[in-house]
C-alpha cells in the first residue's frame, strides 16, 4: 500500500523524508551506513522492500554506501537525471518510488556498477546467523 507524502512525513525523520520524497542528498561520510560492514540486507526505509545484500557492498571512497548490484533488479528503477548540469542515472525503489541515489558504471567486477546510495533511504536487517563485524 502506497502512502501519501503527509503520511511519510509522520513516519520518517527529516533527512529520510528529504532524501526519499524530495530527492535530496545527504552529506558524504555523514550517513549511518557509509562505513557499516555488518552482514545482512539493506531495505527501503519507506516500504521495507529488500534492495541490497551486504555481500555486494564495497568501499568506493565516496562517502556513501556503495553496492555493485541490487538484490533483485526488479526492486530498483532507473531514471535519467539531468539535474545539476550532469547526466546521471537516478535509482528509485520500484515499489514506493523513494529516491535512493544514483548508479554509475565505475564499480568493481563482476557488474562494473556502483550503486551510490543515501544511508537515509535505507534500513538494515541483520543476518540472523551472522555476528556483527565489530564484535570479537
N, C-alpha and C. Protein backbone atom coordinates (compact mmCIF):
# COMPACT_ATOMS: atom_id res chain seq x y z
N UNK A 1 0.84 -1.18 0.00
CA UNK A 1 0.00 0.00 0.00
C UNK A 1 0.89 1.24 0.00
N UNK A 2 0.63 2.13 -0.91
CA UNK A 2 1.40 3.37 -1.03
C UNK A 2 0.89 4.40 -0.03
N UNK A 3 1.82 5.18 0.48
CA UNK A 3 1.48 6.24 1.43
C UNK A 3 1.52 7.58 0.74
N UNK A 4 0.86 8.56 1.32
CA UNK A 4 0.92 9.92 0.82
C UNK A 4 2.14 10.60 1.44
N UNK A 5 2.58 11.72 0.88
CA UNK A 5 3.70 12.44 1.46
C UNK A 5 3.43 12.86 2.90
N UNK A 6 2.24 13.34 3.25
CA UNK A 6 1.99 13.65 4.67
C UNK A 6 2.12 12.43 5.57
N UNK A 7 1.72 11.25 5.08
CA UNK A 7 1.90 10.03 5.87
C UNK A 7 3.37 9.70 6.04
N UNK A 8 4.16 9.85 4.97
CA UNK A 8 5.60 9.62 5.08
C UNK A 8 6.24 10.60 6.04
N UNK A 9 5.79 11.84 6.01
CA UNK A 9 6.36 12.87 6.88
C UNK A 9 6.19 12.50 8.36
N UNK A 10 5.13 11.79 8.68
CA UNK A 10 4.86 11.36 10.06
C UNK A 10 5.76 10.22 10.51
N UNK A 11 6.20 9.37 9.59
CA UNK A 11 6.94 8.17 10.00
C UNK A 11 8.45 8.25 9.72
N UNK A 12 8.89 9.19 8.90
CA UNK A 12 10.30 9.31 8.56
C UNK A 12 10.95 10.46 9.31
N UNK A 13 12.25 10.36 9.53
CA UNK A 13 12.98 11.51 10.09
C UNK A 13 13.05 12.59 9.01
N UNK A 14 13.48 13.77 9.40
CA UNK A 14 13.57 14.87 8.44
C UNK A 14 14.49 14.52 7.28
N UNK A 15 15.68 13.98 7.56
CA UNK A 15 16.61 13.66 6.48
C UNK A 15 16.09 12.50 5.63
N UNK A 16 15.46 11.51 6.24
CA UNK A 16 14.88 10.40 5.47
C UNK A 16 13.81 10.93 4.52
N UNK A 17 12.97 11.85 5.01
CA UNK A 17 11.91 12.41 4.16
C UNK A 17 12.51 13.22 3.01
N UNK A 18 13.47 14.11 3.34
CA UNK A 18 14.05 14.96 2.30
C UNK A 18 14.74 14.14 1.22
N UNK A 19 15.45 13.08 1.63
CA UNK A 19 16.14 12.25 0.65
C UNK A 19 15.15 11.43 -0.17
N UNK A 20 14.28 10.69 0.48
CA UNK A 20 13.43 9.74 -0.24
C UNK A 20 12.26 10.37 -0.98
N UNK A 21 11.69 11.43 -0.43
CA UNK A 21 10.50 12.00 -1.05
C UNK A 21 10.80 13.27 -1.86
N UNK A 22 11.95 13.94 -1.57
CA UNK A 22 12.29 15.18 -2.27
C UNK A 22 13.59 15.07 -3.06
N UNK A 23 14.18 13.90 -3.11
CA UNK A 23 15.40 13.61 -3.87
C UNK A 23 16.60 14.45 -3.41
N UNK A 24 16.67 14.74 -2.12
CA UNK A 24 17.84 15.41 -1.57
C UNK A 24 18.98 14.40 -1.47
N UNK A 25 20.17 14.89 -1.12
CA UNK A 25 21.33 14.03 -0.93
C UNK A 25 21.95 14.36 0.42
N UNK A 26 22.23 13.33 1.20
CA UNK A 26 22.91 13.57 2.47
C UNK A 26 24.38 13.90 2.21
N UNK A 27 25.01 14.58 3.15
CA UNK A 27 26.43 14.92 3.01
C UNK A 27 27.26 13.64 3.00
N UNK A 28 28.34 13.61 2.21
CA UNK A 28 29.20 12.42 2.21
C UNK A 28 29.79 12.19 3.60
N UNK A 29 30.02 10.94 3.93
CA UNK A 29 30.61 10.50 5.19
C UNK A 29 29.75 10.86 6.41
N UNK A 30 28.48 11.14 6.20
CA UNK A 30 27.61 11.52 7.32
C UNK A 30 26.52 10.49 7.62
N UNK A 31 26.21 9.62 6.70
CA UNK A 31 25.13 8.65 6.88
C UNK A 31 25.55 7.47 7.74
N UNK A 32 24.57 6.83 8.34
CA UNK A 32 24.86 5.75 9.28
C UNK A 32 25.38 4.48 8.62
N UNK A 33 25.25 4.34 7.31
CA UNK A 33 25.66 3.09 6.66
C UNK A 33 26.88 3.23 5.75
N UNK A 34 27.47 4.40 5.61
CA UNK A 34 28.61 4.53 4.68
C UNK A 34 29.79 3.67 5.14
N UNK A 35 29.98 3.48 6.43
CA UNK A 35 31.09 2.69 6.95
C UNK A 35 30.55 1.55 7.82
N UNK A 36 29.49 0.94 7.39
CA UNK A 36 28.79 -0.13 8.11
C UNK A 36 29.05 -1.44 7.38
N UNK A 37 29.58 -2.45 8.10
CA UNK A 37 30.01 -3.67 7.43
C UNK A 37 29.39 -4.93 8.03
N UNK A 38 28.32 -4.81 8.80
CA UNK A 38 27.64 -5.98 9.33
C UNK A 38 27.00 -6.77 8.18
N UNK A 39 26.81 -8.05 8.41
CA UNK A 39 26.18 -8.91 7.40
C UNK A 39 24.66 -8.80 7.50
N UNK A 40 24.02 -8.69 6.35
CA UNK A 40 22.57 -8.61 6.32
C UNK A 40 22.07 -8.01 5.03
N UNK A 41 20.90 -7.39 5.14
CA UNK A 41 20.21 -6.85 3.97
C UNK A 41 19.85 -5.39 4.24
N UNK A 42 20.00 -4.58 3.20
CA UNK A 42 19.59 -3.18 3.24
C UNK A 42 18.26 -3.06 2.51
N UNK A 43 17.26 -2.52 3.21
CA UNK A 43 15.91 -2.38 2.68
C UNK A 43 15.56 -0.92 2.48
N UNK A 44 14.51 -0.66 1.73
CA UNK A 44 14.00 0.70 1.56
C UNK A 44 13.42 1.17 2.90
N UNK A 45 13.82 2.34 3.35
CA UNK A 45 13.34 2.86 4.63
C UNK A 45 11.85 3.19 4.59
N UNK A 46 11.30 3.43 3.41
CA UNK A 46 9.89 3.80 3.29
C UNK A 46 8.95 2.60 3.27
N UNK A 47 9.36 1.51 2.59
CA UNK A 47 8.42 0.39 2.41
C UNK A 47 9.02 -0.97 2.76
N UNK A 48 10.28 -1.00 3.18
CA UNK A 48 10.99 -2.23 3.57
C UNK A 48 11.21 -3.22 2.42
N UNK A 49 11.12 -2.76 1.18
CA UNK A 49 11.46 -3.62 0.05
C UNK A 49 12.94 -3.96 0.13
N UNK A 50 13.32 -5.23 0.02
CA UNK A 50 14.73 -5.61 0.01
C UNK A 50 15.43 -5.00 -1.21
N UNK A 51 16.59 -4.34 -0.97
CA UNK A 51 17.30 -3.67 -2.05
C UNK A 51 18.70 -4.23 -2.30
N UNK A 52 19.52 -4.29 -1.26
CA UNK A 52 20.93 -4.69 -1.43
C UNK A 52 21.35 -5.65 -0.32
N UNK A 53 22.21 -6.61 -0.65
CA UNK A 53 22.79 -7.50 0.33
C UNK A 53 24.17 -6.98 0.72
N UNK A 54 24.55 -7.21 1.98
CA UNK A 54 25.85 -6.73 2.45
C UNK A 54 27.00 -7.33 1.65
N UNK A 55 26.81 -8.51 1.08
CA UNK A 55 27.86 -9.14 0.27
C UNK A 55 28.21 -8.34 -0.98
N UNK A 56 27.34 -7.44 -1.41
CA UNK A 56 27.59 -6.64 -2.61
C UNK A 56 28.07 -5.22 -2.27
N UNK A 57 28.24 -4.94 -0.98
CA UNK A 57 28.69 -3.62 -0.53
C UNK A 57 30.21 -3.54 -0.63
N UNK A 58 30.73 -2.39 -1.04
CA UNK A 58 32.17 -2.19 -1.13
C UNK A 58 32.50 -0.75 -0.79
N UNK A 59 33.75 -0.49 -0.45
CA UNK A 59 34.19 0.85 -0.10
C UNK A 59 34.64 1.57 -1.36
N UNK A 60 33.80 2.46 -1.85
CA UNK A 60 34.12 3.21 -3.06
C UNK A 60 34.89 4.49 -2.74
N UNK A 61 35.02 4.81 -1.45
CA UNK A 61 35.74 6.01 -1.05
C UNK A 61 34.99 7.30 -1.31
N UNK A 62 33.70 7.19 -1.64
CA UNK A 62 32.90 8.37 -2.00
C UNK A 62 32.11 8.94 -0.82
N UNK A 63 32.01 8.20 0.28
CA UNK A 63 31.29 8.71 1.45
C UNK A 63 29.84 8.28 1.55
N UNK A 64 29.39 7.48 0.59
CA UNK A 64 28.03 6.93 0.64
C UNK A 64 28.13 5.42 0.53
N UNK A 65 27.16 4.70 1.07
CA UNK A 65 27.17 3.25 0.87
C UNK A 65 27.16 2.93 -0.62
N UNK A 66 27.98 1.98 -1.01
CA UNK A 66 28.09 1.61 -2.43
C UNK A 66 27.94 0.10 -2.57
N UNK A 67 27.22 -0.30 -3.58
CA UNK A 67 26.92 -1.71 -3.85
C UNK A 67 27.16 -1.96 -5.34
N UNK A 68 27.55 -3.18 -5.70
CA UNK A 68 27.76 -3.44 -7.13
C UNK A 68 26.56 -4.11 -7.80
N UNK A 69 25.53 -4.42 -7.03
CA UNK A 69 24.30 -4.91 -7.66
C UNK A 69 23.15 -4.88 -6.65
N UNK A 70 21.96 -4.76 -7.19
CA UNK A 70 20.75 -4.84 -6.36
C UNK A 70 20.46 -6.31 -6.07
N UNK A 71 19.77 -6.55 -4.96
CA UNK A 71 19.41 -7.94 -4.65
C UNK A 71 18.55 -8.52 -5.77
N UNK A 72 17.56 -7.76 -6.21
CA UNK A 72 16.72 -8.14 -7.34
C UNK A 72 16.64 -6.92 -8.27
N UNK A 73 16.92 -7.10 -9.54
CA UNK A 73 16.86 -5.98 -10.48
C UNK A 73 15.49 -5.32 -10.47
N UNK A 74 14.45 -6.09 -10.26
CA UNK A 74 13.09 -5.55 -10.30
C UNK A 74 12.78 -4.64 -9.11
N UNK A 75 13.61 -4.63 -8.09
CA UNK A 75 13.38 -3.79 -6.91
C UNK A 75 13.80 -2.34 -7.15
N UNK A 76 14.59 -2.11 -8.17
CA UNK A 76 15.16 -0.79 -8.47
C UNK A 76 14.66 -0.32 -9.82
N UNK A 77 14.32 0.96 -9.90
CA UNK A 77 14.05 1.51 -11.22
C UNK A 77 15.03 2.65 -11.46
N UNK A 78 15.43 2.79 -12.72
CA UNK A 78 16.41 3.79 -13.11
C UNK A 78 15.75 4.89 -13.92
N UNK A 79 16.18 6.12 -13.65
CA UNK A 79 15.61 7.29 -14.32
C UNK A 79 16.76 8.21 -14.74
N UNK A 80 16.73 8.68 -15.97
CA UNK A 80 17.74 9.64 -16.43
C UNK A 80 17.61 10.92 -15.63
N UNK A 81 18.72 11.40 -15.08
CA UNK A 81 18.76 12.60 -14.24
C UNK A 81 19.70 13.60 -14.90
N UNK A 82 19.16 14.73 -15.30
CA UNK A 82 19.97 15.78 -15.94
C UNK A 82 20.09 17.02 -15.05
N UNK A 83 19.86 16.85 -13.76
CA UNK A 83 19.95 17.98 -12.83
C UNK A 83 21.41 18.33 -12.54
N UNK A 84 21.63 19.51 -12.04
CA UNK A 84 22.95 19.99 -11.61
C UNK A 84 23.99 19.98 -12.72
N UNK A 85 23.56 20.14 -13.97
CA UNK A 85 24.48 20.22 -15.10
C UNK A 85 25.19 18.92 -15.43
N UNK A 86 24.63 17.79 -14.97
CA UNK A 86 25.24 16.48 -15.22
C UNK A 86 24.20 15.55 -15.83
N UNK A 87 24.68 14.51 -16.45
CA UNK A 87 23.80 13.43 -16.89
C UNK A 87 24.16 12.22 -16.04
N UNK A 88 23.20 11.79 -15.23
CA UNK A 88 23.40 10.65 -14.32
C UNK A 88 22.18 9.74 -14.41
N UNK A 89 22.28 8.61 -13.75
CA UNK A 89 21.15 7.69 -13.67
C UNK A 89 20.71 7.61 -12.21
N UNK A 90 19.53 8.15 -11.95
CA UNK A 90 18.96 8.10 -10.60
C UNK A 90 18.39 6.71 -10.37
N UNK A 91 18.47 6.23 -9.13
CA UNK A 91 17.82 4.97 -8.78
C UNK A 91 16.76 5.23 -7.72
N UNK A 92 15.61 4.58 -7.91
CA UNK A 92 14.47 4.70 -7.02
C UNK A 92 13.97 3.31 -6.66
N UNK A 93 13.29 3.23 -5.53
CA UNK A 93 12.63 1.99 -5.15
C UNK A 93 11.48 1.77 -6.13
N UNK A 94 11.44 0.61 -6.74
CA UNK A 94 10.39 0.31 -7.71
C UNK A 94 9.03 0.16 -7.05
N UNK A 95 9.01 -0.13 -5.75
CA UNK A 95 7.75 -0.33 -5.05
C UNK A 95 7.09 0.99 -4.63
N UNK A 96 7.85 1.89 -3.99
CA UNK A 96 7.24 3.11 -3.43
C UNK A 96 7.78 4.40 -4.04
N UNK A 97 8.68 4.30 -5.00
CA UNK A 97 9.24 5.45 -5.72
C UNK A 97 10.15 6.32 -4.85
N UNK A 98 10.70 5.77 -3.78
CA UNK A 98 11.64 6.53 -2.94
C UNK A 98 12.94 6.76 -3.71
N UNK A 99 13.45 7.98 -3.64
CA UNK A 99 14.77 8.29 -4.19
C UNK A 99 15.80 7.58 -3.33
N UNK A 100 16.70 6.84 -3.96
CA UNK A 100 17.74 6.11 -3.23
C UNK A 100 19.12 6.73 -3.44
N UNK A 101 19.42 7.12 -4.67
CA UNK A 101 20.72 7.67 -5.02
C UNK A 101 20.92 7.58 -6.52
N UNK A 102 22.14 7.21 -6.93
CA UNK A 102 22.47 7.12 -8.35
C UNK A 102 23.31 5.87 -8.61
N UNK A 103 23.34 5.44 -9.86
CA UNK A 103 24.19 4.32 -10.25
C UNK A 103 25.17 4.81 -11.32
N UNK A 104 26.42 4.34 -11.19
CA UNK A 104 27.48 4.73 -12.10
C UNK A 104 28.15 3.47 -12.63
N UNK A 105 28.85 3.60 -13.74
CA UNK A 105 29.48 2.44 -14.37
C UNK A 105 30.97 2.34 -14.04
N UNK A 106 31.35 2.74 -12.83
CA UNK A 106 32.75 2.67 -12.42
C UNK A 106 32.95 1.76 -11.21
N UNK A 107 32.10 0.77 -11.07
CA UNK A 107 32.18 -0.16 -9.94
C UNK A 107 33.05 -1.37 -10.24
N UNK A 108 33.19 -2.23 -9.24
CA UNK A 108 34.03 -3.42 -9.40
C UNK A 108 33.33 -4.53 -10.19
N UNK A 109 34.13 -5.51 -10.59
CA UNK A 109 33.57 -6.71 -11.23
C UNK A 109 32.75 -7.48 -10.20
N UNK A 110 31.81 -8.25 -10.55
CA UNK A 110 31.52 -8.67 -11.92
C UNK A 110 30.59 -7.73 -12.68
N UNK A 111 29.93 -6.78 -12.02
CA UNK A 111 28.94 -5.97 -12.72
C UNK A 111 29.51 -4.68 -13.31
N UNK A 112 30.56 -4.14 -12.70
CA UNK A 112 31.09 -2.86 -13.14
C UNK A 112 30.24 -1.68 -12.69
N UNK A 113 29.24 -1.95 -11.85
CA UNK A 113 28.32 -0.90 -11.40
C UNK A 113 28.66 -0.44 -9.99
N UNK A 114 28.34 0.82 -9.71
CA UNK A 114 28.45 1.37 -8.35
C UNK A 114 27.13 2.07 -8.03
N UNK A 115 26.30 1.39 -7.25
CA UNK A 115 25.08 2.00 -6.75
C UNK A 115 25.49 2.85 -5.56
N UNK A 116 25.45 4.15 -5.71
CA UNK A 116 25.85 5.11 -4.69
C UNK A 116 24.55 5.55 -4.00
N UNK A 117 24.32 5.06 -2.79
CA UNK A 117 23.01 5.14 -2.15
C UNK A 117 23.08 5.95 -0.86
N UNK A 118 22.10 6.79 -0.63
CA UNK A 118 22.00 7.55 0.60
C UNK A 118 21.63 6.63 1.76
N UNK A 119 22.38 6.71 2.86
CA UNK A 119 22.04 5.93 4.06
C UNK A 119 20.61 6.23 4.51
N UNK A 120 20.19 7.48 4.36
CA UNK A 120 18.86 7.89 4.83
C UNK A 120 17.73 7.20 4.08
N UNK A 121 18.03 6.57 2.96
CA UNK A 121 16.99 5.86 2.21
C UNK A 121 16.92 4.38 2.59
N UNK A 122 17.78 3.97 3.52
CA UNK A 122 17.91 2.55 3.85
C UNK A 122 17.58 2.24 5.31
N UNK A 123 17.12 1.02 5.52
CA UNK A 123 17.09 0.42 6.86
C UNK A 123 17.92 -0.85 6.74
N UNK A 124 18.37 -1.37 7.87
CA UNK A 124 19.24 -2.55 7.83
C UNK A 124 18.62 -3.69 8.60
N UNK A 125 18.66 -4.87 8.00
CA UNK A 125 18.15 -6.09 8.62
C UNK A 125 19.33 -7.06 8.75
N UNK A 126 19.84 -7.25 9.97
CA UNK A 126 20.99 -8.15 10.12
C UNK A 126 20.66 -9.59 9.77
N UNK A 127 21.68 -10.30 9.29
CA UNK A 127 21.52 -11.73 9.04
C UNK A 127 21.31 -12.41 10.38
N UNK A 128 20.39 -13.33 10.44
CA UNK A 128 20.08 -14.00 11.71
C UNK A 128 21.22 -14.89 12.18
N UNK A 129 22.05 -15.33 11.26
CA UNK A 129 23.12 -16.24 11.64
C UNK A 129 24.51 -15.61 11.60
N UNK A 130 24.58 -14.30 11.44
CA UNK A 130 25.89 -13.64 11.34
C UNK A 130 26.10 -12.70 12.54
N UNK A 131 27.32 -12.71 13.07
CA UNK A 131 27.66 -11.78 14.14
C UNK A 131 28.09 -10.46 13.49
N UNK A 132 27.74 -9.32 14.10
CA UNK A 132 28.24 -8.05 13.57
C UNK A 132 29.76 -8.06 13.53
N UNK A 133 30.33 -7.41 12.53
CA UNK A 133 31.77 -7.43 12.35
C UNK A 133 32.51 -6.66 13.44
N UNK A 134 31.84 -5.82 14.21
CA UNK A 134 32.52 -5.07 15.26
C UNK A 134 32.59 -5.85 16.57
N UNK A 135 32.14 -7.09 16.58
CA UNK A 135 32.24 -7.94 17.77
C UNK A 135 33.41 -8.89 17.61
N UNK A 136 34.04 -9.23 18.70
CA UNK A 136 35.17 -10.16 18.66
C UNK A 136 34.69 -11.59 18.79
